[in-house]
Amino acid sequence: MAKRRTISFYECEHYGDLNNILEDMRSCGAKIGYTQLDEDEETCTIEYEVEDFHEFAIEFKDTESYEFVN
C-alpha cells in the first residue's frame, strides 16, 4: 500500500533545483502530490507517495538530489 510523505529542504534557489529533484524522485518511483516553492525563504516542500519506501530510499540515495534533502 502506498504511503504519502512530505519532505522539506533548504537552498532551493529556483525552479531548476525543484525540477531536478522532482525528476530524480519520479525516476525512483515517487508519485508527486504537490510542491511548494518559497523563493523568499529559499525552501521547498514536496508531498509524494511511494509503494515501497525502502526501495525508493535506496534508489534515491544514488541521485544527485539526495544531498539537498538531507
PDB file of N, CA and C in Angstrom:
ATOM      1  N   MET A   1       0.836  -1.185   0.000  1.00  0.00           N
ATOM      2  CA  MET A   1       0.000   0.000   0.000  1.00  0.00           C
ATOM      3  C   MET A   1       0.881   1.250   0.000  1.00  0.00           C
ATOM      4  N   ALA A   2       0.554   2.171  -0.837  1.00  0.00           N
ATOM      5  CA  ALA A   2       1.334   3.406  -0.945  1.00  0.00           C
ATOM      6  C   ALA A   2       1.149   4.258   0.303  1.00  0.00           C
ATOM      7  N   LYS A   3       2.220   4.940   0.658  1.00  0.00           N
ATOM      8  CA  LYS A   3       2.171   5.828   1.814  1.00  0.00           C
ATOM      9  C   LYS A   3       2.563   7.225   1.367  1.00  0.00           C
ATOM     10  N   ARG A   4       1.806   8.215   1.790  1.00  0.00           N
ATOM     11  CA  ARG A   4       2.062   9.602   1.433  1.00  0.00           C
ATOM     12  C   ARG A   4       3.022  10.207   2.453  1.00  0.00           C
ATOM     13  N   ARG A   5       4.009  10.931   1.947  1.00  0.00           N
ATOM     14  CA  ARG A   5       5.028  11.558   2.797  1.00  0.00           C
ATOM     15  C   ARG A   5       5.277  12.977   2.317  1.00  0.00           C
ATOM     16  N   THR A   6       5.877  13.770   3.183  1.00  0.00           N
ATOM     17  CA  THR A   6       6.239  15.146   2.830  1.00  0.00           C
ATOM     18  C   THR A   6       7.685  15.376   3.230  1.00  0.00           C
ATOM     19  N   ILE A   7       8.442  16.024   2.349  1.00  0.00           N
ATOM     20  CA  ILE A   7       9.801  16.421   2.686  1.00  0.00           C
ATOM     21  C   ILE A   7       9.933  17.918   2.443  1.00  0.00           C
ATOM     22  N   SER A   8      10.759  18.557   3.242  1.00  0.00           N
ATOM     23  CA  SER A   8      11.080  19.969   3.061  1.00  0.00           C
ATOM     24  C   SER A   8      12.587  20.111   3.080  1.00  0.00           C
ATOM     25  N   PHE A   9      13.080  21.059   2.301  1.00  0.00           N
ATOM     26  CA  PHE A   9      14.515  21.259   2.279  1.00  0.00           C
ATOM     27  C   PHE A   9      14.837  22.703   1.955  1.00  0.00           C
ATOM     28  N   TYR A  10      16.068  23.093   2.245  1.00  0.00           N
ATOM     29  CA  TYR A  10      16.511  24.459   2.051  1.00  0.00           C
ATOM     30  C   TYR A  10      17.446  24.551   0.850  1.00  0.00           C
ATOM     31  N   GLU A  11      17.813  25.773   0.523  1.00  0.00           N
ATOM     32  CA  GLU A  11      18.734  26.054  -0.580  1.00  0.00           C
ATOM     33  C   GLU A  11      18.134  25.708  -1.930  1.00  0.00           C
ATOM     34  N   CYS A  12      16.829  25.757  -2.038  1.00  0.00           N
ATOM     35  CA  CYS A  12      16.161  25.582  -3.322  1.00  0.00           C
ATOM     36  C   CYS A  12      16.010  26.984  -3.895  1.00  0.00           C
ATOM     37  N   GLU A  13      16.938  27.376  -4.746  1.00  0.00           N
ATOM     38  CA  GLU A  13      17.028  28.759  -5.173  1.00  0.00           C
ATOM     39  C   GLU A  13      16.128  29.110  -6.354  1.00  0.00           C
ATOM     40  N   HIS A  14      15.746  28.142  -7.161  1.00  0.00           N
ATOM     41  CA  HIS A  14      14.906  28.431  -8.318  1.00  0.00           C
ATOM     42  C   HIS A  14      14.254  27.145  -8.793  1.00  0.00           C
ATOM     43  N   TYR A  15      13.368  27.271  -9.751  1.00  0.00           N
ATOM     44  CA  TYR A  15      12.632  26.096 -10.210  1.00  0.00           C
ATOM     45  C   TYR A  15      13.525  25.039 -10.833  1.00  0.00           C
ATOM     46  N   GLY A  16      14.713  25.405 -11.300  1.00  0.00           N
ATOM     47  CA  GLY A  16      15.636  24.405 -11.832  1.00  0.00           C
ATOM     48  C   GLY A  16      15.992  23.368 -10.793  1.00  0.00           C
ATOM     49  N   ASP A  17      16.265  23.809  -9.556  1.00  0.00           N
ATOM     50  CA  ASP A  17      16.554  22.874  -8.468  1.00  0.00           C
ATOM     51  C   ASP A  17      15.365  21.954  -8.224  1.00  0.00           C
ATOM     52  N   LEU A  18      14.200  22.551  -8.119  1.00  0.00           N
ATOM     53  CA  LEU A  18      12.996  21.780  -7.841  1.00  0.00           C
ATOM     54  C   LEU A  18      12.719  20.782  -8.954  1.00  0.00           C
ATOM     55  N   ASN A  19      12.814  21.213 -10.180  1.00  0.00           N
ATOM     56  CA  ASN A  19      12.549  20.305 -11.305  1.00  0.00           C
ATOM     57  C   ASN A  19      13.510  19.129 -11.318  1.00  0.00           C
ATOM     58  N   ASN A  20      14.775  19.353 -11.027  1.00  0.00           N
ATOM     59  CA  ASN A  20      15.748  18.260 -10.983  1.00  0.00           C
ATOM     60  C   ASN A  20      15.422  17.262  -9.876  1.00  0.00           C
ATOM     61  N   ILE A  21      15.058  17.774  -8.709  1.00  0.00           N
ATOM     62  CA  ILE A  21      14.715  16.894  -7.591  1.00  0.00           C
ATOM     63  C   ILE A  21      13.464  16.082  -7.915  1.00  0.00           C
ATOM     64  N   LEU A  22      12.448  16.735  -8.472  1.00  0.00           N
ATOM     65  CA  LEU A  22      11.223  16.023  -8.843  1.00  0.00           C
ATOM     66  C   LEU A  22      11.505  14.936  -9.875  1.00  0.00           C
ATOM     67  N   GLU A  23      12.347  15.240 -10.834  1.00  0.00           N
ATOM     68  CA  GLU A  23      12.706  14.251 -11.854  1.00  0.00           C
ATOM     69  C   GLU A  23      13.401  13.045 -11.210  1.00  0.00           C
ATOM     70  N   ASP A  24      14.339  13.301 -10.292  1.00  0.00           N
ATOM     71  CA  ASP A  24      15.027  12.201  -9.609  1.00  0.00           C
ATOM     72  C   ASP A  24      14.043  11.389  -8.767  1.00  0.00           C
ATOM     73  N   MET A  25      13.123  12.055  -8.081  1.00  0.00           N
ATOM     74  CA  MET A  25      12.145  11.334  -7.258  1.00  0.00           C
ATOM     75  C   MET A  25      11.250  10.459  -8.124  1.00  0.00           C
ATOM     76  N   ARG A  26      10.773  11.009  -9.229  1.00  0.00           N
ATOM     77  CA  ARG A  26       9.914  10.227 -10.132  1.00  0.00           C
ATOM     78  C   ARG A  26      10.660   9.026 -10.705  1.00  0.00           C
ATOM     79  N   SER A  27      11.938   9.222 -11.046  1.00  0.00           N
ATOM     80  CA  SER A  27      12.706   8.115 -11.620  1.00  0.00           C
ATOM     81  C   SER A  27      12.926   6.998 -10.608  1.00  0.00           C
ATOM     82  N   CYS A  28      12.759   7.311  -9.329  1.00  0.00           N
ATOM     83  CA  CYS A  28      12.917   6.306  -8.264  1.00  0.00           C
ATOM     84  C   CYS A  28      11.577   5.733  -7.820  1.00  0.00           C
ATOM     85  N   GLY A  29      10.489   6.137  -8.476  1.00  0.00           N
ATOM     86  CA  GLY A  29       9.185   5.540  -8.211  1.00  0.00           C
ATOM     87  C   GLY A  29       8.198   6.397  -7.441  1.00  0.00           C
ATOM     88  N   ALA A  30       8.513   7.646  -7.179  1.00  0.00           N
ATOM     89  CA  ALA A  30       7.596   8.506  -6.428  1.00  0.00           C
ATOM     90  C   ALA A  30       6.523   9.091  -7.337  1.00  0.00           C
ATOM     91  N   LYS A  31       5.337   9.206  -6.788  1.00  0.00           N
ATOM     92  CA  LYS A  31       4.249   9.939  -7.432  1.00  0.00           C
ATOM     93  C   LYS A  31       4.120  11.248  -6.663  1.00  0.00           C
ATOM     94  N   ILE A  32       4.311  12.361  -7.364  1.00  0.00           N
ATOM     95  CA  ILE A  32       4.326  13.667  -6.717  1.00  0.00           C
ATOM     96  C   ILE A  32       2.898  14.160  -6.523  1.00  0.00           C
ATOM     97  N   GLY A  33       2.588  14.561  -5.284  1.00  0.00           N
ATOM     98  CA  GLY A  33       1.266  15.102  -4.977  1.00  0.00           C
ATOM     99  C   GLY A  33       1.227  16.596  -5.203  1.00  0.00           C
ATOM    100  N   TYR A  34       2.074  17.333  -4.502  1.00  0.00           N
ATOM    101  CA  TYR A  34       2.150  18.772  -4.709  1.00  0.00           C
ATOM    102  C   TYR A  34       3.545  19.250  -4.367  1.00  0.00           C
ATOM    103  N   THR A  35       3.862  20.444  -4.839  1.00  0.00           N
ATOM    104  CA  THR A  35       5.132  21.088  -4.489  1.00  0.00           C
ATOM    105  C   THR A  35       4.838  22.525  -4.102  1.00  0.00           C
ATOM    106  N   GLN A  36       5.646  23.032  -3.203  1.00  0.00           N
ATOM    107  CA  GLN A  36       5.518  24.428  -2.802  1.00  0.00           C
ATOM    108  C   GLN A  36       6.916  25.013  -2.709  1.00  0.00           C
ATOM    109  N   LEU A  37       7.170  26.029  -3.492  1.00  0.00           N
ATOM    110  CA  LEU A  37       8.466  26.695  -3.510  1.00  0.00           C
ATOM    111  C   LEU A  37       8.298  28.070  -2.893  1.00  0.00           C
ATOM    112  N   ASP A  38       9.077  28.357  -1.849  1.00  0.00           N
ATOM    113  CA  ASP A  38       9.075  29.675  -1.214  1.00  0.00           C
ATOM    114  C   ASP A  38      10.385  30.348  -1.590  1.00  0.00           C
ATOM    115  N   GLU A  39      10.328  31.189  -2.612  1.00  0.00           N
ATOM    116  CA  GLU A  39      11.548  31.811  -3.125  1.00  0.00           C
ATOM    117  C   GLU A  39      12.169  32.772  -2.117  1.00  0.00           C
ATOM    118  N   ASP A  40      11.357  33.428  -1.279  1.00  0.00           N
ATOM    119  CA  ASP A  40      11.899  34.345  -0.274  1.00  0.00           C
ATOM    120  C   ASP A  40      12.727  33.603   0.770  1.00  0.00           C
ATOM    121  N   GLU A  41      12.226  32.459   1.201  1.00  0.00           N
ATOM    122  CA  GLU A  41      12.911  31.665   2.220  1.00  0.00           C
ATOM    123  C   GLU A  41      13.891  30.663   1.615  1.00  0.00           C
ATOM    124  N   GLU A  42      13.857  30.509   0.287  1.00  0.00           N
ATOM    125  CA  GLU A  42      14.675  29.523  -0.413  1.00  0.00           C
ATOM    126  C   GLU A  42      14.440  28.112   0.130  1.00  0.00           C
ATOM    127  N   THR A  43      13.166  27.787   0.326  1.00  0.00           N
ATOM    128  CA  THR A  43      12.786  26.459   0.796  1.00  0.00           C
ATOM    129  C   THR A  43      11.797  25.831  -0.179  1.00  0.00           C
ATOM    130  N   CYS A  44      11.677  24.529  -0.073  1.00  0.00           N
ATOM    131  CA  CYS A  44      10.754  23.795  -0.918  1.00  0.00           C
ATOM    132  C   CYS A  44      10.139  22.659  -0.113  1.00  0.00           C
ATOM    133  N   THR A  45       8.856  22.413  -0.356  1.00  0.00           N
ATOM    134  CA  THR A  45       8.156  21.296   0.262  1.00  0.00           C
ATOM    135  C   THR A  45       7.561  20.450  -0.856  1.00  0.00           C
ATOM    136  N   ILE A  46       7.737  19.152  -0.741  1.00  0.00           N
ATOM    137  CA  ILE A  46       7.210  18.213  -1.727  1.00  0.00           C
ATOM    138  C   ILE A  46       6.404  17.145  -0.994  1.00  0.00           C
ATOM    139  N   GLU A  47       5.167  16.925  -1.448  1.00  0.00           N
ATOM    140  CA  GLU A  47       4.376  15.800  -0.957  1.00  0.00           C
ATOM    141  C   GLU A  47       4.448  14.722  -2.026  1.00  0.00           C
ATOM    142  N   TYR A  48       4.738  13.504  -1.622  1.00  0.00           N
ATOM    143  CA  TYR A  48       4.889  12.415  -2.586  1.00  0.00           C
ATOM    144  C   TYR A  48       4.385  11.116  -1.995  1.00  0.00           C
ATOM    145  N   GLU A  49       4.202  10.148  -2.873  1.00  0.00           N
ATOM    146  CA  GLU A  49       3.694   8.845  -2.482  1.00  0.00           C
ATOM    147  C   GLU A  49       4.542   7.769  -3.153  1.00  0.00           C
ATOM    148  N   VAL A  50       4.887   6.742  -2.404  1.00  0.00           N
ATOM    149  CA  VAL A  50       5.623   5.605  -2.967  1.00  0.00           C
ATOM    150  C   VAL A  50       5.009   4.309  -2.474  1.00  0.00           C
ATOM    151  N   GLU A  51       5.091   3.290  -3.307  1.00  0.00           N
ATOM    152  CA  GLU A  51       4.580   1.965  -2.931  1.00  0.00           C
ATOM    153  C   GLU A  51       5.521   1.284  -1.929  1.00  0.00           C
ATOM    154  N   ASP A  52       6.815   1.370  -2.182  1.00  0.00           N
ATOM    155  CA  ASP A  52       7.816   0.702  -1.351  1.00  0.00           C
ATOM    156  C   ASP A  52       8.862   1.737  -0.941  1.00  0.00           C
ATOM    157  N   PHE A  53       8.693   2.308   0.249  1.00  0.00           N
ATOM    158  CA  PHE A  53       9.584   3.384   0.661  1.00  0.00           C
ATOM    159  C   PHE A  53      11.030   2.910   0.779  1.00  0.00           C
ATOM    160  N   HIS A  54      11.245   1.717   1.250  1.00  0.00           N
ATOM    161  CA  HIS A  54      12.604   1.193   1.400  1.00  0.00           C
ATOM    162  C   HIS A  54      13.318   1.169   0.046  1.00  0.00           C
ATOM    163  N   GLU A  55      12.652   0.650  -0.969  1.00  0.00           N
ATOM    164  CA  GLU A  55      13.245   0.595  -2.312  1.00  0.00           C
ATOM    165  C   GLU A  55      13.464   2.003  -2.860  1.00  0.00           C
ATOM    166  N   PHE A  56      12.495   2.881  -2.657  1.00  0.00           N
ATOM    167  CA  PHE A  56      12.633   4.272  -3.098  1.00  0.00           C
ATOM    168  C   PHE A  56      13.855   4.914  -2.452  1.00  0.00           C
ATOM    169  N   ALA A  57      14.013   4.732  -1.146  1.00  0.00           N
ATOM    170  CA  ALA A  57      15.126   5.349  -0.421  1.00  0.00           C
ATOM    171  C   ALA A  57      16.476   4.857  -0.941  1.00  0.00           C
ATOM    172  N   ILE A  58      16.585   3.573  -1.225  1.00  0.00           N
ATOM    173  CA  ILE A  58      17.832   3.017  -1.758  1.00  0.00           C
ATOM    174  C   ILE A  58      18.167   3.651  -3.102  1.00  0.00           C
ATOM    175  N   GLU A  59      17.178   3.740  -3.984  1.00  0.00           N
ATOM    176  CA  GLU A  59      17.413   4.315  -5.308  1.00  0.00           C
ATOM    177  C   GLU A  59      17.677   5.818  -5.230  1.00  0.00           C
ATOM    178  N   PHE A  60      16.914   6.527  -4.398  1.00  0.00           N
ATOM    179  CA  PHE A  60      17.058   7.980  -4.320  1.00  0.00           C
ATOM    180  C   PHE A  60      18.408   8.374  -3.735  1.00  0.00           C
ATOM    181  N   LYS A  61      18.953   7.544  -2.866  1.00  0.00           N
ATOM    182  CA  LYS A  61      20.248   7.838  -2.252  1.00  0.00           C
ATOM    183  C   LYS A  61      21.350   7.944  -3.306  1.00  0.00           C
ATOM    184  N   ASP A  62      21.174   7.308  -4.447  1.00  0.00           N
ATOM    185  CA  ASP A  62      22.174   7.336  -5.516  1.00  0.00           C
ATOM    186  C   ASP A  62      21.984   8.498  -6.490  1.00  0.00           C
ATOM    187  N   THR A  63      21.029   9.391  -6.229  1.00  0.00           N
ATOM    188  CA  THR A  63      20.796  10.529  -7.131  1.00  0.00           C
ATOM    189  C   THR A  63      21.565  11.760  -6.662  1.00  0.00           C
ATOM    190  N   GLU A  64      21.731  12.717  -7.574  1.00  0.00           N
ATOM    191  CA  GLU A  64      22.376  13.969  -7.219  1.00  0.00           C
ATOM    192  C   GLU A  64      21.515  14.801  -6.272  1.00  0.00           C
ATOM    193  N   SER A  65      20.235  14.586  -6.273  1.00  0.00           N
ATOM    194  CA  SER A  65      19.315  15.361  -5.431  1.00  0.00           C
ATOM    195  C   SER A  65      19.380  14.968  -3.954  1.00  0.00           C
ATOM    196  N   TYR A  66      19.875  13.787  -3.670  1.00  0.00           N
ATOM    197  CA  TYR A  66      19.864  13.267  -2.308  1.00  0.00           C
ATOM    198  C   TYR A  66      20.495  14.237  -1.304  1.00  0.00           C
ATOM    199  N   GLU A  67      21.597  14.865  -1.668  1.00  0.00           N
ATOM    200  CA  GLU A  67      22.287  15.757  -0.728  1.00  0.00           C
ATOM    201  C   GLU A  67      21.459  16.983  -0.372  1.00  0.00           C
ATOM    202  N   PHE A  68      20.509  17.372  -1.222  1.00  0.00           N
ATOM    203  CA  PHE A  68      19.695  18.543  -0.947  1.00  0.00           C
ATOM    204  C   PHE A  68      18.593  18.274   0.072  1.00  0.00           C
ATOM    205  N   VAL A  69      18.140  17.048   0.171  1.00  0.00           N
ATOM    206  CA  VAL A  69      17.015  16.744   1.052  1.00  0.00           C
ATOM    207  C   VAL A  69      17.443  16.131   2.370  1.00  0.00           C
ATOM    208  N   ASN A  70      18.730  16.049   2.601  1.00  0.00           N
ATOM    209  CA  ASN A  70      19.220  15.505   3.882  1.00  0.00           C
ATOM    210  C   ASN A  70      20.053  16.512   4.614  1.00  0.00           C
TER     211      ASN A  70
END
